[in-house]
Amino acid sequence: MLLITHIISALSSLVLTGYLFFRPSKSLLNVDYVLAGLTVGTGVYLIWSGGSSHVVSGTISGLTYLALVLVGIVVVQRKLAHLHADS
């Protein structure tokens, strides 16, 4: 069940980050923070509880996910700041 939660939150976060890139929204950005945090938290727990068999591949995938989402979040934050300054 935790693995399903992890996968759904990761995919949802990636989709939401992509959506926010084109339509920035402060409230949806907060949802994206929660989804990203949930994904990282469940990922750390899954790696920690699963032993050492897939730790390297899980860590590399997790860091790639985190980098993509963080770049997207930073871009959206800047877009929102620019929109707020113009109004």
PDB file of N, CA and C in Angstrom:
ATOM      1  N   MET A   1       0.813  -1.204   0.000  1.00  0.00           N
ATOM      2  CA  MET A   1       0.000   0.000   0.000  1.00  0.00           C
ATOM      3  C   MET A   1       0.858   1.270   0.000  1.00  0.00           C
ATOM      4  N   LEU A   2       1.953   1.229   0.752  1.00  0.00           N
ATOM      5  CA  LEU A   2       2.833   2.392   0.804  1.00  0.00           C
ATOM      6  C   LEU A   2       3.496   2.636  -0.554  1.00  0.00           C
ATOM      7  N   LEU A   3       3.834   1.558  -1.239  1.00  0.00           N
ATOM      8  CA  LEU A   3       4.439   1.699  -2.561  1.00  0.00           C
ATOM      9  C   LEU A   3       3.464   2.343  -3.540  1.00  0.00           C
ATOM     10  N   ILE A   4       2.204   1.972  -3.470  1.00  0.00           N
ATOM     11  CA  ILE A   4       1.183   2.574  -4.342  1.00  0.00           C
ATOM     12  C   ILE A   4       1.031   4.057  -4.025  1.00  0.00           C
ATOM     13  N   THR A   5       1.008   4.405  -2.748  1.00  0.00           N
ATOM     14  CA  THR A   5       0.935   5.804  -2.336  1.00  0.00           C
ATOM     15  C   THR A   5       2.141   6.581  -2.866  1.00  0.00           C
ATOM     16  N   HIS A   6       3.307   5.967  -2.772  1.00  0.00           N
ATOM     17  CA  HIS A   6       4.543   6.598  -3.251  1.00  0.00           C
ATOM     18  C   HIS A   6       4.465   6.860  -4.758  1.00  0.00           C
ATOM     19  N   ILE A   7       4.050   5.879  -5.508  1.00  0.00           N
ATOM     20  CA  ILE A   7       3.979   6.015  -6.967  1.00  0.00           C
ATOM     21  C   ILE A   7       2.939   7.047  -7.378  1.00  0.00           C
ATOM     22  N   ILE A   8       1.772   7.000  -6.763  1.00  0.00           N
ATOM     23  CA  ILE A   8       0.703   7.946  -7.107  1.00  0.00           C
ATOM     24  C   ILE A   8       1.112   9.373  -6.747  1.00  0.00           C
ATOM     25  N   SER A   9       1.714   9.560  -5.590  1.00  0.00           N
ATOM     26  CA  SER A   9       2.119  10.925  -5.202  1.00  0.00           C
ATOM     27  C   SER A   9       3.236  11.440  -6.105  1.00  0.00           C
ATOM     28  N   ALA A  10       4.162  10.578  -6.506  1.00  0.00           N
ATOM     29  CA  ALA A  10       5.250  11.006  -7.395  1.00  0.00           C
ATOM     30  C   ALA A  10       4.704  11.403  -8.768  1.00  0.00           C
ATOM     31  N   LEU A  11       3.867  10.567  -9.335  1.00  0.00           N
ATOM     32  CA  LEU A  11       3.309  10.889 -10.655  1.00  0.00           C
ATOM     33  C   LEU A  11       2.420  12.123 -10.592  1.00  0.00           C
ATOM     34  N   SER A  12       1.624  12.235  -9.546  1.00  0.00           N
ATOM     35  CA  SER A  12       0.760  13.406  -9.392  1.00  0.00           C
ATOM     36  C   SER A  12       1.588  14.680  -9.249  1.00  0.00           C
ATOM     37  N   SER A  13       2.671  14.595  -8.503  1.00  0.00           N
ATOM     38  CA  SER A  13       3.530  15.755  -8.315  1.00  0.00           C
ATOM     39  C   SER A  13       4.177  16.179  -9.628  1.00  0.00           C
ATOM     40  N   LEU A  14       4.632  15.214 -10.416  1.00  0.00           N
ATOM     41  CA  LEU A  14       5.232  15.548 -11.707  1.00  0.00           C
ATOM     42  C   LEU A  14       4.219  16.185 -12.647  1.00  0.00           C
ATOM     43  N   VAL A  15       3.012  15.625 -12.697  1.00  0.00           N
ATOM     44  CA  VAL A  15       1.962  16.183 -13.555  1.00  0.00           C
ATOM     45  C   VAL A  15       1.576  17.581 -13.078  1.00  0.00           C
ATOM     46  N   LEU A  16       1.405  17.746 -11.773  1.00  0.00           N
ATOM     47  CA  LEU A  16       1.020  19.052 -11.235  1.00  0.00           C
ATOM     48  C   LEU A  16       2.119  20.091 -11.469  1.00  0.00           C
ATOM     49  N   THR A  17       3.367  19.700 -11.333  1.00  0.00           N
ATOM     50  CA  THR A  17       4.467  20.632 -11.603  1.00  0.00           C
ATOM     51  C   THR A  17       4.444  21.080 -13.057  1.00  0.00           C
ATOM     52  N   GLY A  18       4.194  20.143 -13.959  1.00  0.00           N
ATOM     53  CA  GLY A  18       4.079  20.505 -15.375  1.00  0.00           C
ATOM     54  C   GLY A  18       2.912  21.438 -15.637  1.00  0.00           C
ATOM     55  N   TYR A  19       1.778  21.178 -15.005  1.00  0.00           N
ATOM     56  CA  TYR A  19       0.605  22.031 -15.152  1.00  0.00           C
ATOM     57  C   TYR A  19       0.897  23.436 -14.619  1.00  0.00           C
ATOM     58  N   LEU A  20       1.534  23.491 -13.461  1.00  0.00           N
ATOM     59  CA  LEU A  20       1.840  24.783 -12.848  1.00  0.00           C
ATOM     60  C   LEU A  20       2.827  25.596 -13.674  1.00  0.00           C
ATOM     61  N   PHE A  21       3.652  24.924 -14.451  1.00  0.00           N
ATOM     62  CA  PHE A  21       4.587  25.632 -15.319  1.00  0.00           C
ATOM     63  C   PHE A  21       3.835  26.535 -16.298  1.00  0.00           C
ATOM     64  N   PHE A  22       2.681  26.056 -16.763  1.00  0.00           N
ATOM     65  CA  PHE A  22       1.902  26.815 -17.741  1.00  0.00           C
ATOM     66  C   PHE A  22       0.806  27.667 -17.096  1.00  0.00           C
ATOM     67  N   ARG A  23       0.307  27.271 -15.935  1.00  0.00           N
ATOM     68  CA  ARG A  23      -0.748  28.016 -15.242  1.00  0.00           C
ATOM     69  C   ARG A  23      -0.396  28.116 -13.762  1.00  0.00           C
ATOM     70  N   PRO A  24       0.487  29.045 -13.402  1.00  0.00           N
ATOM     71  CA  PRO A  24       0.929  29.168 -12.010  1.00  0.00           C
ATOM     72  C   PRO A  24      -0.229  29.491 -11.065  1.00  0.00           C
ATOM     73  N   SER A  25      -0.207  28.867  -9.909  1.00  0.00           N
ATOM     74  CA  SER A  25      -1.230  29.086  -8.896  1.00  0.00           C
ATOM     75  C   SER A  25      -0.609  28.838  -7.529  1.00  0.00           C
ATOM     76  N   LYS A  26      -0.766  29.784  -6.614  1.00  0.00           N
ATOM     77  CA  LYS A  26      -0.185  29.651  -5.280  1.00  0.00           C
ATOM     78  C   LYS A  26      -0.804  28.478  -4.520  1.00  0.00           C
ATOM     79  N   SER A  27      -2.109  28.308  -4.609  1.00  0.00           N
ATOM     80  CA  SER A  27      -2.754  27.228  -3.862  1.00  0.00           C
ATOM     81  C   SER A  27      -2.338  25.858  -4.395  1.00  0.00           C
ATOM     82  N   LEU A  28      -2.234  25.727  -5.717  1.00  0.00           N
ATOM     83  CA  LEU A  28      -1.786  24.446  -6.276  1.00  0.00           C
ATOM     84  C   LEU A  28      -0.301  24.212  -6.017  1.00  0.00           C
ATOM     85  N   LEU A  29       0.455  25.280  -5.900  1.00  0.00           N
ATOM     86  CA  LEU A  29       1.866  25.131  -5.561  1.00  0.00           C
ATOM     87  C   LEU A  29       2.006  24.536  -4.159  1.00  0.00           C
ATOM     88  N   ASN A  30       1.133  24.939  -3.240  1.00  0.00           N
ATOM     89  CA  ASN A  30       1.141  24.350  -1.901  1.00  0.00           C
ATOM     90  C   ASN A  30       0.813  22.863  -1.944  1.00  0.00           C
ATOM     91  N   VAL A  31      -0.114  22.478  -2.812  1.00  0.00           N
ATOM     92  CA  VAL A  31      -0.439  21.061  -2.986  1.00  0.00           C
ATOM     93  C   VAL A  31       0.790  20.326  -3.526  1.00  0.00           C
ATOM     94  N   ASP A  32       1.501  20.948  -4.446  1.00  0.00           N
ATOM     95  CA  ASP A  32       2.705  20.339  -5.009  1.00  0.00           C
ATOM     96  C   ASP A  32       3.774  20.140  -3.939  1.00  0.00           C
ATOM     97  N   TYR A  33       3.903  21.085  -3.011  1.00  0.00           N
ATOM     98  CA  TYR A  33       4.842  20.924  -1.898  1.00  0.00           C
ATOM     99  C   TYR A  33       4.499  19.671  -1.088  1.00  0.00           C
ATOM    100  N   VAL A  34       3.219  19.496  -0.794  1.00  0.00           N
ATOM    101  CA  VAL A  34       2.779  18.347  -0.002  1.00  0.00           C
ATOM    102  C   VAL A  34       3.053  17.045  -0.757  1.00  0.00           C
ATOM    103  N   LEU A  35       2.727  17.027  -2.041  1.00  0.00           N
ATOM    104  CA  LEU A  35       2.958  15.813  -2.831  1.00  0.00           C
ATOM    105  C   LEU A  35       4.446  15.477  -2.914  1.00  0.00           C
ATOM    106  N   ALA A  36       5.278  16.484  -3.122  1.00  0.00           N
ATOM    107  CA  ALA A  36       6.723  16.249  -3.191  1.00  0.00           C
ATOM    108  C   ALA A  36       7.257  15.754  -1.849  1.00  0.00           C
ATOM    109  N   GLY A  37       6.805  16.353  -0.773  1.00  0.00           N
ATOM    110  CA  GLY A  37       7.224  15.910   0.555  1.00  0.00           C
ATOM    111  C   GLY A  37       6.780  14.492   0.861  1.00  0.00           C
ATOM    112  N   LEU A  38       5.545  14.173   0.478  1.00  0.00           N
ATOM    113  CA  LEU A  38       5.027  12.818   0.679  1.00  0.00           C
ATOM    114  C   LEU A  38       5.842  11.812  -0.132  1.00  0.00           C
ATOM    115  N   THR A  39       6.176  12.172  -1.350  1.00  0.00           N
ATOM    116  CA  THR A  39       6.955  11.276  -2.198  1.00  0.00           C
ATOM    117  C   THR A  39       8.346  11.032  -1.619  1.00  0.00           C
ATOM    118  N   VAL A  40       9.002  12.089  -1.200  1.00  0.00           N
ATOM    119  CA  VAL A  40      10.339  11.942  -0.616  1.00  0.00           C
ATOM    120  C   VAL A  40      10.263  11.137   0.679  1.00  0.00           C
ATOM    121  N   GLY A  41       9.291  11.446   1.514  1.00  0.00           N
ATOM    122  CA  GLY A  41       9.149  10.726   2.776  1.00  0.00           C
ATOM    123  C   GLY A  41       8.885   9.240   2.603  1.00  0.00           C
ATOM    124  N   THR A  42       7.962   8.908   1.729  1.00  0.00           N
ATOM    125  CA  THR A  42       7.671   7.490   1.505  1.00  0.00           C
ATOM    126  C   THR A  42       8.845   6.797   0.807  1.00  0.00           C
ATOM    127  N   GLY A  43       9.533   7.524  -0.077  1.00  0.00           N
ATOM    128  CA  GLY A  43      10.696   6.938  -0.747  1.00  0.00           C
ATOM    129  C   GLY A  43      11.814   6.606   0.227  1.00  0.00           C
ATOM    130  N   VAL A  44      12.089   7.528   1.135  1.00  0.00           N
ATOM    131  CA  VAL A  44      13.114   7.280   2.149  1.00  0.00           C
ATOM    132  C   VAL A  44      12.725   6.081   3.004  1.00  0.00           C
ATOM    133  N   TYR A  45      11.469   6.017   3.403  1.00  0.00           N
ATOM    134  CA  TYR A  45      11.023   4.890   4.218  1.00  0.00           C
ATOM    135  C   TYR A  45      11.118   3.574   3.452  1.00  0.00           C
ATOM    136  N   LEU A  46      10.718   3.579   2.193  1.00  0.00           N
ATOM    137  CA  LEU A  46      10.779   2.352   1.401  1.00  0.00           C
ATOM    138  C   LEU A  46      12.213   1.864   1.221  1.00  0.00           C
ATOM    139  N   ILE A  47      13.142   2.788   0.978  1.00  0.00           N
ATOM    140  CA  ILE A  47      14.546   2.387   0.845  1.00  0.00           C
ATOM    141  C   ILE A  47      15.081   1.890   2.185  1.00  0.00           C
ATOM    142  N   TRP A  48      14.750   2.596   3.255  1.00  0.00           N
ATOM    143  CA  TRP A  48      15.232   2.233   4.590  1.00  0.00           C
ATOM    144  C   TRP A  48      14.695   0.881   5.025  1.00  0.00           C
ATOM    145  N   SER A  49      13.437   0.611   4.759  1.00  0.00           N
ATOM    146  CA  SER A  49      12.819  -0.636   5.216  1.00  0.00           C
ATOM    147  C   SER A  49      13.055  -1.806   4.274  1.00  0.00           C
ATOM    148  N   GLY A  50      13.480  -1.534   3.043  1.00  0.00           N
ATOM    149  CA  GLY A  50      13.623  -2.602   2.065  1.00  0.00           C
ATOM    150  C   GLY A  50      14.968  -3.279   2.034  1.00  0.00           C
ATOM    151  N   GLY A  51      15.896  -2.896   2.854  1.00  0.00           N
ATOM    152  CA  GLY A  51      17.214  -3.506   2.812  1.00  0.00           C
ATOM    153  C   GLY A  51      18.103  -2.814   1.802  1.00  0.00           C
ATOM    154  N   SER A  52      19.133  -3.484   1.356  1.00  0.00           N
ATOM    155  CA  SER A  52      20.124  -2.841   0.503  1.00  0.00           C
ATOM    156  C   SER A  52      20.107  -3.331  -0.942  1.00  0.00           C
ATOM    157  N   SER A  53      19.115  -4.093  -1.351  1.00  0.00           N
ATOM    158  CA  SER A  53      19.143  -4.688  -2.687  1.00  0.00           C
ATOM    159  C   SER A  53      18.968  -3.668  -3.807  1.00  0.00           C
ATOM    160  N   HIS A  54      18.117  -2.675  -3.617  1.00  0.00           N
ATOM    161  CA  HIS A  54      17.852  -1.713  -4.678  1.00  0.00           C
ATOM    162  C   HIS A  54      18.094  -0.273  -4.212  1.00  0.00           C
ATOM    163  N   VAL A  55      18.960  -0.106  -3.249  1.00  0.00           N
ATOM    164  CA  VAL A  55      19.169   1.213  -2.672  1.00  0.00           C
ATOM    165  C   VAL A  55      19.761   2.183  -3.690  1.00  0.00           C
ATOM    166  N   VAL A  56      20.729   1.764  -4.460  1.00  0.00           N
ATOM    167  CA  VAL A  56      21.392   2.664  -5.398  1.00  0.00           C
ATOM    168  C   VAL A  56      20.422   3.104  -6.485  1.00  0.00           C
ATOM    169  N   SER A  57      19.713   2.173  -7.089  1.00  0.00           N
ATOM    170  CA  SER A  57      18.775   2.558  -8.158  1.00  0.00           C
ATOM    171  C   SER A  57      17.635   3.403  -7.598  1.00  0.00           C
ATOM    172  N   GLY A  58      17.176   3.087  -6.407  1.00  0.00           N
ATOM    173  CA  GLY A  58      16.126   3.889  -5.789  1.00  0.00           C
ATOM    174  C   GLY A  58      16.593   5.289  -5.468  1.00  0.00           C
ATOM    175  N   THR A  59      17.814   5.407  -5.016  1.00  0.00           N
ATOM    176  CA  THR A  59      18.363   6.714  -4.681  1.00  0.00           C
ATOM    177  C   THR A  59      18.562   7.560  -5.937  1.00  0.00           C
ATOM    178  N   ILE A  60      19.085   6.973  -6.995  1.00  0.00           N
ATOM    179  CA  ILE A  60      19.295   7.718  -8.238  1.00  0.00           C
ATOM    180  C   ILE A  60      17.960   8.168  -8.819  1.00  0.00           C
ATOM    181  N   SER A  61      16.979   7.298  -8.827  1.00  0.00           N
ATOM    182  CA  SER A  61      15.646   7.671  -9.327  1.00  0.00           C
ATOM    183  C   SER A  61      15.033   8.765  -8.464  1.00  0.00           C
ATOM    184  N   GLY A  62      15.185   8.638  -7.160  1.00  0.00           N
ATOM    185  CA  GLY A  62      14.636   9.633  -6.245  1.00  0.00           C
ATOM    186  C   GLY A  62      15.286  10.992  -6.404  1.00  0.00           C
ATOM    187  N   LEU A  63      16.589  11.004  -6.587  1.00  0.00           N
ATOM    188  CA  LEU A  63      17.286  12.279  -6.788  1.00  0.00           C
ATOM    189  C   LEU A  63      16.915  12.914  -8.115  1.00  0.00           C
ATOM    190  N   THR A  64      16.715  12.101  -9.143  1.00  0.00           N
ATOM    191  CA  THR A  64      16.271  12.623 -10.437  1.00  0.00           C
ATOM    192  C   THR A  64      14.883  13.235 -10.308  1.00  0.00           C
ATOM    193  N   TYR A  65      13.969  12.515  -9.655  1.00  0.00           N
ATOM    194  CA  TYR A  65      12.617  13.036  -9.413  1.00  0.00           C
ATOM    195  C   TYR A  65      12.691  14.357  -8.645  1.00  0.00           C
ATOM    196  N   LEU A  66      13.465  14.360  -7.569  1.00  0.00           N
ATOM    197  CA  LEU A  66      13.555  15.544  -6.724  1.00  0.00           C
ATOM    198  C   LEU A  66      14.119  16.736  -7.494  1.00  0.00           C
ATOM    199  N   ALA A  67      15.122  16.495  -8.314  1.00  0.00           N
ATOM    200  CA  ALA A  67      15.703  17.583  -9.110  1.00  0.00           C
ATOM    201  C   ALA A  67      14.675  18.165 -10.079  1.00  0.00           C
ATOM    202  N   LEU A  68      13.936  17.304 -10.765  1.00  0.00           N
ATOM    203  CA  LEU A  68      12.917  17.779 -11.712  1.00  0.00           C
ATOM    204  C   LEU A  68      11.844  18.602 -11.013  1.00  0.00           C
ATOM    205  N   VAL A  69      11.345  18.094  -9.907  1.00  0.00           N
ATOM    206  CA  VAL A  69      10.273  18.787  -9.194  1.00  0.00           C
ATOM    207  C   VAL A  69      10.777  20.091  -8.589  1.00  0.00           C
ATOM    208  N   LEU A  70      11.971  20.089  -8.019  1.00  0.00           N
ATOM    209  CA  LEU A  70      12.497  21.323  -7.425  1.00  0.00           C
ATOM    210  C   LEU A  70      12.737  22.398  -8.471  1.00  0.00           C
ATOM    211  N   VAL A  71      13.258  22.029  -9.622  1.00  0.00           N
ATOM    212  CA  VAL A  71      13.448  23.010 -10.693  1.00  0.00           C
ATOM    213  C   VAL A  71      12.086  23.570 -11.111  1.00  0.00           C
ATOM    214  N   GLY A  72      11.109  22.683 -11.273  1.00  0.00           N
ATOM    215  CA  GLY A  72       9.766  23.137 -11.637  1.00  0.00           C
ATOM    216  C   GLY A  72       9.171  24.064 -10.600  1.00  0.00           C
ATOM    217  N   ILE A  73       9.336  23.743  -9.330  1.00  0.00           N
ATOM    218  CA  ILE A  73       8.791  24.573  -8.257  1.00  0.00           C
ATOM    219  C   ILE A  73       9.462  25.948  -8.241  1.00  0.00           C
ATOM    220  N   VAL A  74      10.764  25.982  -8.425  1.00  0.00           N
ATOM    221  CA  VAL A  74      11.473  27.265  -8.446  1.00  0.00           C
ATOM    222  C   VAL A  74      10.991  28.121  -9.614  1.00  0.00           C
ATOM    223  N   VAL A  75      10.821  27.521 -10.778  1.00  0.00           N
ATOM    224  CA  VAL A  75      10.337  28.264 -11.946  1.00  0.00           C
ATOM    225  C   VAL A  75       8.936  28.813 -11.674  1.00  0.00           C
ATOM    226  N   VAL A  76       8.069  28.005 -11.094  1.00  0.00           N
ATOM    227  CA  VAL A  76       6.709  28.455 -10.801  1.00  0.00           C
ATOM    228  C   VAL A  76       6.722  29.568  -9.761  1.00  0.00           C
ATOM    229  N   GLN A  77       7.566  29.448  -8.734  1.00  0.00           N
ATOM    230  CA  GLN A  77       7.661  30.511  -7.731  1.00  0.00           C
ATOM    231  C   GLN A  77       8.089  31.826  -8.372  1.00  0.00           C
ATOM    232  N   ARG A  78       9.023  31.774  -9.284  1.00  0.00           N
ATOM    233  CA  ARG A  78       9.476  32.995  -9.961  1.00  0.00           C
ATOM    234  C   ARG A  78       8.387  33.568 -10.849  1.00  0.00           C
ATOM    235  N   LYS A  79       7.639  32.698 -11.527  1.00  0.00           N
ATOM    236  CA  LYS A  79       6.539  33.177 -12.359  1.00  0.00           C
ATOM    237  C   LYS A  79       5.484  33.853 -11.498  1.00  0.00           C
ATOM    238  N   LEU A  80       5.162  33.247 -10.353  1.00  0.00           N
ATOM    239  CA  LEU A  80       4.172  33.844  -9.454  1.00  0.00           C
ATOM    240  C   LEU A  80       4.656  35.174  -8.911  1.00  0.00           C
ATOM    241  N   ALA A  81       5.936  35.278  -8.570  1.00  0.00           N
ATOM    242  CA  ALA A  81       6.491  36.541  -8.073  1.00  0.00           C
ATOM    243  C   ALA A  81       6.415  37.609  -9.156  1.00  0.00           C
ATOM    244  N   HIS A  82       6.693  37.222 -10.391  1.00  0.00           N
ATOM    245  CA  HIS A  82       6.634  38.167 -11.510  1.00  0.00           C
ATOM    246  C   HIS A  82       5.194  38.614 -11.760  1.00  0.00           C
ATOM    247  N   LEU A  83       4.255  37.679 -11.688  1.00  0.00           N
ATOM    248  CA  LEU A  83       2.841  38.040 -11.877  1.00  0.00           C
ATOM    249  C   LEU A  83       2.357  38.949 -10.760  1.00  0.00           C
ATOM    250  N   HIS A  84       2.795  38.681  -9.542  1.00  0.00           N
ATOM    251  CA  HIS A  84       2.393  39.495  -8.403  1.00  0.00           C
ATOM    252  C   HIS A  84       2.982  40.886  -8.495  1.00  0.00           C
ATOM    253  N   ALA A  85       4.211  41.009  -8.986  1.00  0.00           N
ATOM    254  CA  ALA A  85       4.846  42.324  -9.117  1.00  0.00           C
ATOM    255  C   ALA A  85       4.192  43.167 -10.205  1.00  0.00           C
ATOM    256  N   ASP A  86       3.655  42.520 -11.239  1.00  0.00           N
ATOM    257  CA  ASP A  86       3.015  43.244 -12.340  1.00  0.00           C
ATOM    258  C   ASP A  86       1.625  43.767 -11.969  1.00  0.00           C
ATOM    259  N   SER A  87       0.994  43.149 -10.988  1.00  0.00           N
ATOM    260  CA  SER A  87      -0.382  43.564 -10.673  1.00  0.00           C
ATOM    261  C   SER A  87      -0.457  44.652  -9.634  1.00  0.00           C
TER     262      SER A  87
END
